[in-house]
Amino acid sequence: IDKIRIVFIGDPQAGVAQLLSGNVHFSDSFVIN
């Protein structure tokens, strides 16, 4: 993969929303419960 953007998400619900919308493609440990 040529480029990766790492974003900081402190709220699990925001992480879920970003995954469902397709704006985030992977969430690492302890982002979602």
PDB file of all heavy atoms in Angstrom:
ATOM      1  N   ILE A   1       0.854  -1.179   0.000  1.00  0.00           N
ATOM      2  CA  ILE A   1       0.000   0.000   0.000  1.00  0.00           C
ATOM      3  C   ILE A   1       0.892   1.232   0.000  1.00  0.00           C
ATOM      4  O   ILE A   1       1.879   1.288   0.743  1.00  0.00           O
ATOM      5  CB  ILE A   1      -0.938   0.003   1.224  1.00  0.00           C
ATOM      6  CG1 ILE A   1      -1.927  -1.172   1.122  1.00  0.00           C
ATOM      7  CG2 ILE A   1      -1.688   1.319   1.358  1.00  0.00           C
ATOM      8  CD1 ILE A   1      -2.844  -1.311   2.324  1.00  0.00           C
ATOM      9  N   ASP A   2       0.580   2.219  -0.839  1.00  0.00           N
ATOM     10  CA  ASP A   2       1.448   3.386  -0.995  1.00  0.00           C
ATOM     11  C   ASP A   2       1.380   4.355   0.180  1.00  0.00           C
ATOM     12  O   ASP A   2       2.405   4.889   0.613  1.00  0.00           O
ATOM     13  CB  ASP A   2       1.094   4.140  -2.286  1.00  0.00           C
ATOM     14  CG  ASP A   2       1.411   3.321  -3.528  1.00  0.00           C
ATOM     15  OD1 ASP A   2       2.376   2.524  -3.480  1.00  0.00           O
ATOM     16  OD2 ASP A   2       0.696   3.472  -4.535  1.00  0.00           O
ATOM     17  N   LYS A   3       0.173   4.615   0.661  1.00  0.00           N
ATOM     18  CA  LYS A   3       0.008   5.626   1.707  1.00  0.00           C
ATOM     19  C   LYS A   3      -0.986   5.135   2.757  1.00  0.00           C
ATOM     20  O   LYS A   3      -1.963   4.459   2.428  1.00  0.00           O
ATOM     21  CB  LYS A   3      -0.503   6.946   1.120  1.00  0.00           C
ATOM     22  CG  LYS A   3       0.448   7.608   0.135  1.00  0.00           C
ATOM     23  CD  LYS A   3      -0.170   8.892  -0.424  1.00  0.00           C
ATOM     24  CE  LYS A   3       0.763   9.562  -1.426  1.00  0.00           C
ATOM     25  NZ  LYS A   3       0.172  10.817  -1.973  1.00  0.00           N
ATOM     26  N   ILE A   4      -0.724   5.509   4.004  1.00  0.00           N
ATOM     27  CA  ILE A   4      -1.651   5.198   5.089  1.00  0.00           C
ATOM     28  C   ILE A   4      -1.788   6.430   5.971  1.00  0.00           C
ATOM     29  O   ILE A   4      -0.784   7.089   6.295  1.00  0.00           O
ATOM     30  CB  ILE A   4      -1.161   4.005   5.932  1.00  0.00           C
ATOM     31  CG1 ILE A   4      -1.339   2.694   5.161  1.00  0.00           C
ATOM     32  CG2 ILE A   4      -1.902   3.928   7.262  1.00  0.00           C
ATOM     33  CD1 ILE A   4      -0.895   1.462   5.913  1.00  0.00           C
ATOM     34  N   ARG A   5      -3.009   6.749   6.330  1.00  0.00           N
ATOM     35  CA  ARG A   5      -3.256   7.813   7.308  1.00  0.00           C
ATOM     36  C   ARG A   5      -3.716   7.154   8.612  1.00  0.00           C
ATOM     37  O   ARG A   5      -4.663   6.365   8.631  1.00  0.00           O
ATOM     38  CB  ARG A   5      -4.313   8.802   6.812  1.00  0.00           C
ATOM     39  CG  ARG A   5      -4.809   9.749   7.918  1.00  0.00           C
ATOM     40  CD  ARG A   5      -5.658  10.887   7.394  1.00  0.00           C
ATOM     41  NE  ARG A   5      -4.838  11.902   6.735  1.00  0.00           N
ATOM     42  CZ  ARG A   5      -5.289  13.100   6.363  1.00  0.00           C
ATOM     43  NH1 ARG A   5      -6.565  13.423   6.579  1.00  0.00           N
ATOM     44  NH2 ARG A   5      -4.493  13.960   5.771  1.00  0.00           N
ATOM     45  N   ILE A   6      -3.034   7.493   9.691  1.00  0.00           N
ATOM     46  CA  ILE A   6      -3.397   7.017  11.023  1.00  0.00           C
ATOM     47  C   ILE A   6      -4.167   8.136  11.708  1.00  0.00           C
ATOM     48  O   ILE A   6      -3.659   9.249  11.845  1.00  0.00           O
ATOM     49  CB  ILE A   6      -2.145   6.664  11.845  1.00  0.00           C
ATOM     50  CG1 ILE A   6      -1.311   5.608  11.108  1.00  0.00           C
ATOM     51  CG2 ILE A   6      -2.523   6.181  13.240  1.00  0.00           C
ATOM     52  CD1 ILE A   6       0.082   5.439  11.668  1.00  0.00           C
ATOM     53  N   VAL A   7      -5.406   7.853  12.120  1.00  0.00           N
ATOM     54  CA  VAL A   7      -6.220   8.869  12.791  1.00  0.00           C
ATOM     55  C   VAL A   7      -6.420   8.469  14.244  1.00  0.00           C
ATOM     56  O   VAL A   7      -6.458   7.278  14.577  1.00  0.00           O
ATOM     57  CB  VAL A   7      -7.579   9.073  12.094  1.00  0.00           C
ATOM     58  CG1 VAL A   7      -7.382   9.603  10.686  1.00  0.00           C
ATOM     59  CG2 VAL A   7      -8.370   7.772  12.053  1.00  0.00           C
ATOM     60  N   PHE A   8      -6.537   9.446  15.111  1.00  0.00           N
ATOM     61  CA  PHE A   8      -6.706   9.208  16.538  1.00  0.00           C
ATOM     62  C   PHE A   8      -8.184   9.337  16.900  1.00  0.00           C
ATOM     63  O   PHE A   8      -8.787  10.388  16.682  1.00  0.00           O
ATOM     64  CB  PHE A   8      -5.872  10.197  17.348  1.00  0.00           C
ATOM     65  CG  PHE A   8      -4.418  10.197  16.955  1.00  0.00           C
ATOM     66  CD1 PHE A   8      -3.853  11.288  16.317  1.00  0.00           C
ATOM     67  CD2 PHE A   8      -3.624   9.087  17.205  1.00  0.00           C
ATOM     68  CE1 PHE A   8      -2.515  11.289  15.943  1.00  0.00           C
ATOM     69  CE2 PHE A   8      -2.284   9.072  16.844  1.00  0.00           C
ATOM     70  CZ  PHE A   8      -1.731  10.170  16.217  1.00  0.00           C
ATOM     71  N   ILE A   9      -8.745   8.260  17.431  1.00  0.00           N
ATOM     72  CA  ILE A   9     -10.166   8.239  17.786  1.00  0.00           C
ATOM     73  C   ILE A   9     -10.287   7.843  19.255  1.00  0.00           C
ATOM     74  O   ILE A   9      -9.944   6.714  19.626  1.00  0.00           O
ATOM     75  CB  ILE A   9     -10.947   7.247  16.896  1.00  0.00           C
ATOM     76  CG1 ILE A   9     -10.817   7.646  15.418  1.00  0.00           C
ATOM     77  CG2 ILE A   9     -12.407   7.187  17.315  1.00  0.00           C
ATOM     78  CD1 ILE A   9     -11.447   6.656  14.462  1.00  0.00           C
ATOM     79  N   GLY A  10     -10.754   8.755  20.081  1.00  0.00           N
ATOM     80  CA  GLY A  10     -10.864   8.490  21.507  1.00  0.00           C
ATOM     81  C   GLY A  10     -12.212   7.954  21.934  1.00  0.00           C
ATOM     82  O   GLY A  10     -12.359   7.433  23.036  1.00  0.00           O
ATOM     83  N   ASP A  11     -13.217   8.031  21.059  1.00  0.00           N
ATOM     84  CA  ASP A  11     -14.578   7.615  21.392  1.00  0.00           C
ATOM     85  C   ASP A  11     -14.945   6.368  20.589  1.00  0.00           C
ATOM     86  O   ASP A  11     -14.968   6.409  19.352  1.00  0.00           O
ATOM     87  CB  ASP A  11     -15.552   8.754  21.071  1.00  0.00           C
ATOM     88  CG  ASP A  11     -17.006   8.374  21.332  1.00  0.00           C
ATOM     89  OD1 ASP A  11     -17.231   7.343  21.982  1.00  0.00           O
ATOM     90  OD2 ASP A  11     -17.899   9.117  20.882  1.00  0.00           O
ATOM     91  N   PRO A  12     -15.230   5.248  21.262  1.00  0.00           N
ATOM     92  CA  PRO A  12     -15.570   4.016  20.538  1.00  0.00           C
ATOM     93  C   PRO A  12     -16.733   4.197  19.562  1.00  0.00           C
ATOM     94  O   PRO A  12     -16.711   3.635  18.465  1.00  0.00           O
ATOM     95  CB  PRO A  12     -15.932   3.033  21.663  1.00  0.00           C
ATOM     96  CG  PRO A  12     -15.194   3.537  22.855  1.00  0.00           C
ATOM     97  CD  PRO A  12     -15.182   5.035  22.723  1.00  0.00           C
ATOM     98  N   GLN A  13     -17.749   4.985  19.962  1.00  0.00           N
ATOM     99  CA  GLN A  13     -18.899   5.172  19.075  1.00  0.00           C
ATOM    100  C   GLN A  13     -18.502   5.905  17.794  1.00  0.00           C
ATOM    101  O   GLN A  13     -19.001   5.609  16.708  1.00  0.00           O
ATOM    102  CB  GLN A  13     -20.001   5.947  19.809  1.00  0.00           C
ATOM    103  CG  GLN A  13     -20.610   5.176  20.976  1.00  0.00           C
ATOM    104  CD  GLN A  13     -21.109   3.808  20.554  1.00  0.00           C
ATOM    105  OE1 GLN A  13     -21.856   3.673  19.582  1.00  0.00           O
ATOM    106  NE2 GLN A  13     -20.685   2.771  21.268  1.00  0.00           N
ATOM    107  N   ALA A  14     -17.578   6.856  17.929  1.00  0.00           N
ATOM    108  CA  ALA A  14     -17.075   7.546  16.740  1.00  0.00           C
ATOM    109  C   ALA A  14     -16.308   6.572  15.858  1.00  0.00           C
ATOM    110  O   ALA A  14     -16.387   6.630  14.627  1.00  0.00           O
ATOM    111  CB  ALA A  14     -16.178   8.708  17.151  1.00  0.00           C
ATOM    112  N   GLY A  15     -15.579   5.650  16.490  1.00  0.00           N
ATOM    113  CA  GLY A  15     -14.856   4.642  15.718  1.00  0.00           C
ATOM    114  C   GLY A  15     -15.791   3.749  14.932  1.00  0.00           C
ATOM    115  O   GLY A  15     -15.562   3.450  13.754  1.00  0.00           O
ATOM    116  N   VAL A  16     -16.872   3.340  15.571  1.00  0.00           N
ATOM    117  CA  VAL A  16     -17.869   2.498  14.892  1.00  0.00           C
ATOM    118  C   VAL A  16     -18.486   3.248  13.717  1.00  0.00           C
ATOM    119  O   VAL A  16     -18.629   2.707  12.613  1.00  0.00           O
ATOM    120  CB  VAL A  16     -18.961   2.057  15.882  1.00  0.00           C
ATOM    121  CG1 VAL A  16     -20.121   1.388  15.143  1.00  0.00           C
ATOM    122  CG2 VAL A  16     -18.390   1.101  16.922  1.00  0.00           C
ATOM    123  N   ALA A  17     -18.847   4.507  13.939  1.00  0.00           N
ATOM    124  CA  ALA A  17     -19.467   5.311  12.885  1.00  0.00           C
ATOM    125  C   ALA A  17     -18.527   5.474  11.694  1.00  0.00           C
ATOM    126  O   ALA A  17     -18.949   5.390  10.534  1.00  0.00           O
ATOM    127  CB  ALA A  17     -19.863   6.678  13.443  1.00  0.00           C
ATOM    128  N   GLN A  18     -17.235   5.696  11.989  1.00  0.00           N
ATOM    129  CA  GLN A  18     -16.250   5.874  10.915  1.00  0.00           C
ATOM    130  C   GLN A  18     -16.062   4.583  10.115  1.00  0.00           C
ATOM    131  O   GLN A  18     -15.894   4.612   8.892  1.00  0.00           O
ATOM    132  CB  GLN A  18     -14.914   6.316  11.508  1.00  0.00           C
ATOM    133  CG  GLN A  18     -14.941   7.683  12.170  1.00  0.00           C
ATOM    134  CD  GLN A  18     -14.694   8.802  11.173  1.00  0.00           C
ATOM    135  OE1 GLN A  18     -15.300   8.854  10.100  1.00  0.00           O
ATOM    136  NE2 GLN A  18     -13.810   9.701  11.539  1.00  0.00           N
ATOM    137  N   LEU A  19     -16.097   3.449  10.803  1.00  0.00           N
ATOM    138  CA  LEU A  19     -15.975   2.165  10.099  1.00  0.00           C
ATOM    139  C   LEU A  19     -17.194   1.915   9.207  1.00  0.00           C
ATOM    140  O   LEU A  19     -17.055   1.482   8.055  1.00  0.00           O
ATOM    141  CB  LEU A  19     -15.829   1.025  11.112  1.00  0.00           C
ATOM    142  CG  LEU A  19     -14.468   0.893  11.792  1.00  0.00           C
ATOM    143  CD1 LEU A  19     -14.578   0.066  13.068  1.00  0.00           C
ATOM    144  CD2 LEU A  19     -13.454   0.254  10.850  1.00  0.00           C
ATOM    145  N   LEU A  20     -18.384   2.196   9.732  1.00  0.00           N
ATOM    146  CA  LEU A  20     -19.609   1.960   8.956  1.00  0.00           C
ATOM    147  C   LEU A  20     -19.702   2.886   7.754  1.00  0.00           C
ATOM    148  O   LEU A  20     -20.224   2.505   6.700  1.00  0.00           O
ATOM    149  CB  LEU A  20     -20.837   2.141   9.856  1.00  0.00           C
ATOM    150  CG  LEU A  20     -21.064   1.042  10.904  1.00  0.00           C
ATOM    151  CD1 LEU A  20     -22.194   1.418  11.850  1.00  0.00           C
ATOM    152  CD2 LEU A  20     -21.371  -0.290  10.216  1.00  0.00           C
ATOM    153  N   SER A  21     -19.186   4.101   7.899  1.00  0.00           N
ATOM    154  CA  SER A  21     -19.245   5.055   6.789  1.00  0.00           C
ATOM    155  C   SER A  21     -18.171   4.796   5.746  1.00  0.00           C
ATOM    156  O   SER A  21     -18.237   5.314   4.632  1.00  0.00           O
ATOM    157  CB  SER A  21     -19.084   6.482   7.329  1.00  0.00           C
ATOM    158  OG  SER A  21     -17.760   6.683   7.825  1.00  0.00           O
ATOM    159  N   GLY A  22     -17.175   3.995   6.096  1.00  0.00           N
ATOM    160  CA  GLY A  22     -16.081   3.730   5.162  1.00  0.00           C
ATOM    161  C   GLY A  22     -14.975   4.751   5.215  1.00  0.00           C
ATOM    162  O   GLY A  22     -14.024   4.683   4.432  1.00  0.00           O
ATOM    163  N   ASN A  23     -15.047   5.694   6.152  1.00  0.00           N
ATOM    164  CA  ASN A  23     -13.977   6.697   6.281  1.00  0.00           C
ATOM    165  C   ASN A  23     -12.747   6.127   6.972  1.00  0.00           C
ATOM    166  O   ASN A  23     -11.643   6.626   6.795  1.00  0.00           O
ATOM    167  CB  ASN A  23     -14.493   7.912   7.068  1.00  0.00           C
ATOM    168  CG  ASN A  23     -15.515   8.709   6.285  1.00  0.00           C
ATOM    169  OD1 ASN A  23     -15.445   8.805   5.060  1.00  0.00           O
ATOM    170  ND2 ASN A  23     -16.495   9.271   6.982  1.00  0.00           N
ATOM    171  N   VAL A  24     -12.965   5.092   7.780  1.00  0.00           N
ATOM    172  CA  VAL A  24     -11.866   4.372   8.432  1.00  0.00           C
ATOM    173  C   VAL A  24     -11.935   2.927   7.970  1.00  0.00           C
ATOM    174  O   VAL A  24     -13.022   2.350   7.871  1.00  0.00           O
ATOM    175  CB  VAL A  24     -11.991   4.460   9.971  1.00  0.00           C
ATOM    176  CG1 VAL A  24     -11.090   3.432  10.655  1.00  0.00           C
ATOM    177  CG2 VAL A  24     -11.623   5.857  10.456  1.00  0.00           C
ATOM    178  N   HIS A  25     -10.780   2.353   7.671  1.00  0.00           N
ATOM    179  CA  HIS A  25     -10.757   1.018   7.077  1.00  0.00           C
ATOM    180  C   HIS A  25     -10.249  -0.063   8.022  1.00  0.00           C
ATOM    181  O   HIS A  25     -10.403  -1.251   7.754  1.00  0.00           O
ATOM    182  CB  HIS A  25      -9.898   1.033   5.807  1.00  0.00           C
ATOM    183  CG  HIS A  25     -10.280   2.119   4.861  1.00  0.00           C
ATOM    184  ND1 HIS A  25      -9.391   3.058   4.378  1.00  0.00           N
ATOM    185  CD2 HIS A  25     -11.500   2.455   4.334  1.00  0.00           C
ATOM    186  CE1 HIS A  25     -10.016   3.907   3.586  1.00  0.00           C
ATOM    187  NE2 HIS A  25     -11.295   3.562   3.541  1.00  0.00           N
ATOM    188  N   PHE A  26      -9.623   0.345   9.138  1.00  0.00           N
ATOM    189  CA  PHE A  26      -9.125  -0.618  10.116  1.00  0.00           C
ATOM    190  C   PHE A  26      -9.090   0.052  11.482  1.00  0.00           C
ATOM    191  O   PHE A  26      -8.704   1.220  11.605  1.00  0.00           O
ATOM    192  CB  PHE A  26      -7.712  -1.092   9.742  1.00  0.00           C
ATOM    193  CG  PHE A  26      -7.082  -2.008  10.774  1.00  0.00           C
ATOM    194  CD1 PHE A  26      -7.436  -3.341  10.820  1.00  0.00           C
ATOM    195  CD2 PHE A  26      -6.156  -1.525  11.690  1.00  0.00           C
ATOM    196  CE1 PHE A  26      -6.877  -4.191  11.778  1.00  0.00           C
ATOM    197  CE2 PHE A  26      -5.579  -2.361  12.637  1.00  0.00           C
ATOM    198  CZ  PHE A  26      -5.943  -3.699  12.682  1.00  0.00           C
ATOM    199  N   SER A  27      -9.521  -0.651  12.505  1.00  0.00           N
ATOM    200  CA  SER A  27      -9.396  -0.137  13.879  1.00  0.00           C
ATOM    201  C   SER A  27      -8.561  -1.123  14.670  1.00  0.00           C
ATOM    202  O   SER A  27      -8.803  -2.333  14.653  1.00  0.00           O
ATOM    203  CB  SER A  27     -10.774   0.038  14.528  1.00  0.00           C
ATOM    204  OG  SER A  27     -11.365  -1.215  14.801  1.00  0.00           O
ATOM    205  N   ASP A  28      -7.567  -0.603  15.362  1.00  0.00           N
ATOM    206  CA  ASP A  28      -6.660  -1.455  16.125  1.00  0.00           C
ATOM    207  C   ASP A  28      -7.240  -1.754  17.506  1.00  0.00           C
ATOM    208  O   ASP A  28      -8.341  -1.326  17.847  1.00  0.00           O
ATOM    209  CB  ASP A  28      -5.297  -0.757  16.241  1.00  0.00           C
ATOM    210  CG  ASP A  28      -4.171  -1.734  16.540  1.00  0.00           C
ATOM    211  OD1 ASP A  28      -4.434  -2.950  16.548  1.00  0.00           O
ATOM    212  OD2 ASP A  28      -3.032  -1.278  16.752  1.00  0.00           O
ATOM    213  N   SER A  29      -6.476  -2.484  18.313  1.00  0.00           N
ATOM    214  CA  SER A  29      -6.926  -2.900  19.642  1.00  0.00           C
ATOM    215  C   SER A  29      -7.368  -1.710  20.485  1.00  0.00           C
ATOM    216  O   SER A  29      -6.764  -0.642  20.444  1.00  0.00           O
ATOM    217  CB  SER A  29      -5.788  -3.631  20.365  1.00  0.00           C
ATOM    218  OG  SER A  29      -5.299  -4.696  19.591  1.00  0.00           O
ATOM    219  N   PHE A  30      -8.439  -1.935  21.265  1.00  0.00           N
ATOM    220  CA  PHE A  30      -8.932  -0.988  22.265  1.00  0.00           C
ATOM    221  C   PHE A  30      -9.541   0.283  21.666  1.00  0.00           C
ATOM    222  O   PHE A  30      -9.723   1.269  22.362  1.00  0.00           O
ATOM    223  CB  PHE A  30      -7.839  -0.638  23.276  1.00  0.00           C
ATOM    224  CG  PHE A  30      -7.219  -1.852  23.910  1.00  0.00           C
ATOM    225  CD1 PHE A  30      -5.894  -2.170  23.693  1.00  0.00           C
ATOM    226  CD2 PHE A  30      -7.985  -2.695  24.693  1.00  0.00           C
ATOM    227  CE1 PHE A  30      -5.329  -3.311  24.263  1.00  0.00           C
ATOM    228  CE2 PHE A  30      -7.435  -3.828  25.274  1.00  0.00           C
ATOM    229  CZ  PHE A  30      -6.106  -4.139  25.059  1.00  0.00           C
ATOM    230  N   VAL A  31      -9.847   0.272  20.358  1.00  0.00           N
ATOM    231  CA  VAL A  31     -10.617   1.370  19.776  1.00  0.00           C
ATOM    232  C   VAL A  31     -12.097   1.081  19.977  1.00  0.00           C
ATOM    233  O   VAL A  31     -12.858   1.927  20.436  1.00  0.00           O
ATOM    234  CB  VAL A  31     -10.293   1.566  18.284  1.00  0.00           C
ATOM    235  CG1 VAL A  31     -11.205   2.631  17.684  1.00  0.00           C
ATOM    236  CG2 VAL A  31      -8.834   1.955  18.100  1.00  0.00           C
ATOM    237  N   ILE A  32     -12.508  -0.133  19.631  1.00  0.00           N
ATOM    238  CA  ILE A  32     -13.885  -0.548  19.865  1.00  0.00           C
ATOM    239  C   ILE A  32     -13.901  -1.618  20.956  1.00  0.00           C
ATOM    240  O   ILE A  32     -12.933  -2.362  21.127  1.00  0.00           O
ATOM    241  CB  ILE A  32     -14.554  -1.072  18.581  1.00  0.00           C
ATOM    242  CG1 ILE A  32     -13.796  -2.282  18.023  1.00  0.00           C
ATOM    243  CG2 ILE A  32     -14.630   0.028  17.534  1.00  0.00           C
ATOM    244  CD1 ILE A  32     -14.475  -2.941  16.834  1.00  0.00           C
ATOM    245  N   ASN A  33     -14.997  -1.703  21.699  1.00  0.00           N
ATOM    246  CA  ASN A  33     -15.096  -2.697  22.760  1.00  0.00           C
ATOM    247  C   ASN A  33     -15.850  -3.934  22.259  1.00  0.00           C
ATOM    248  O   ASN A  33     -16.383  -3.932  21.141  1.00  0.00           O
ATOM    249  CB  ASN A  33     -15.766  -2.085  23.999  1.00  0.00           C
ATOM    250  CG  ASN A  33     -17.169  -1.581  23.703  1.00  0.00           C
ATOM    251  OD1 ASN A  33     -17.950  -2.234  23.012  1.00  0.00           O
ATOM    252  ND2 ASN A  33     -17.500  -0.403  24.224  1.00  0.00           N
TER     253      ASN A  33
END
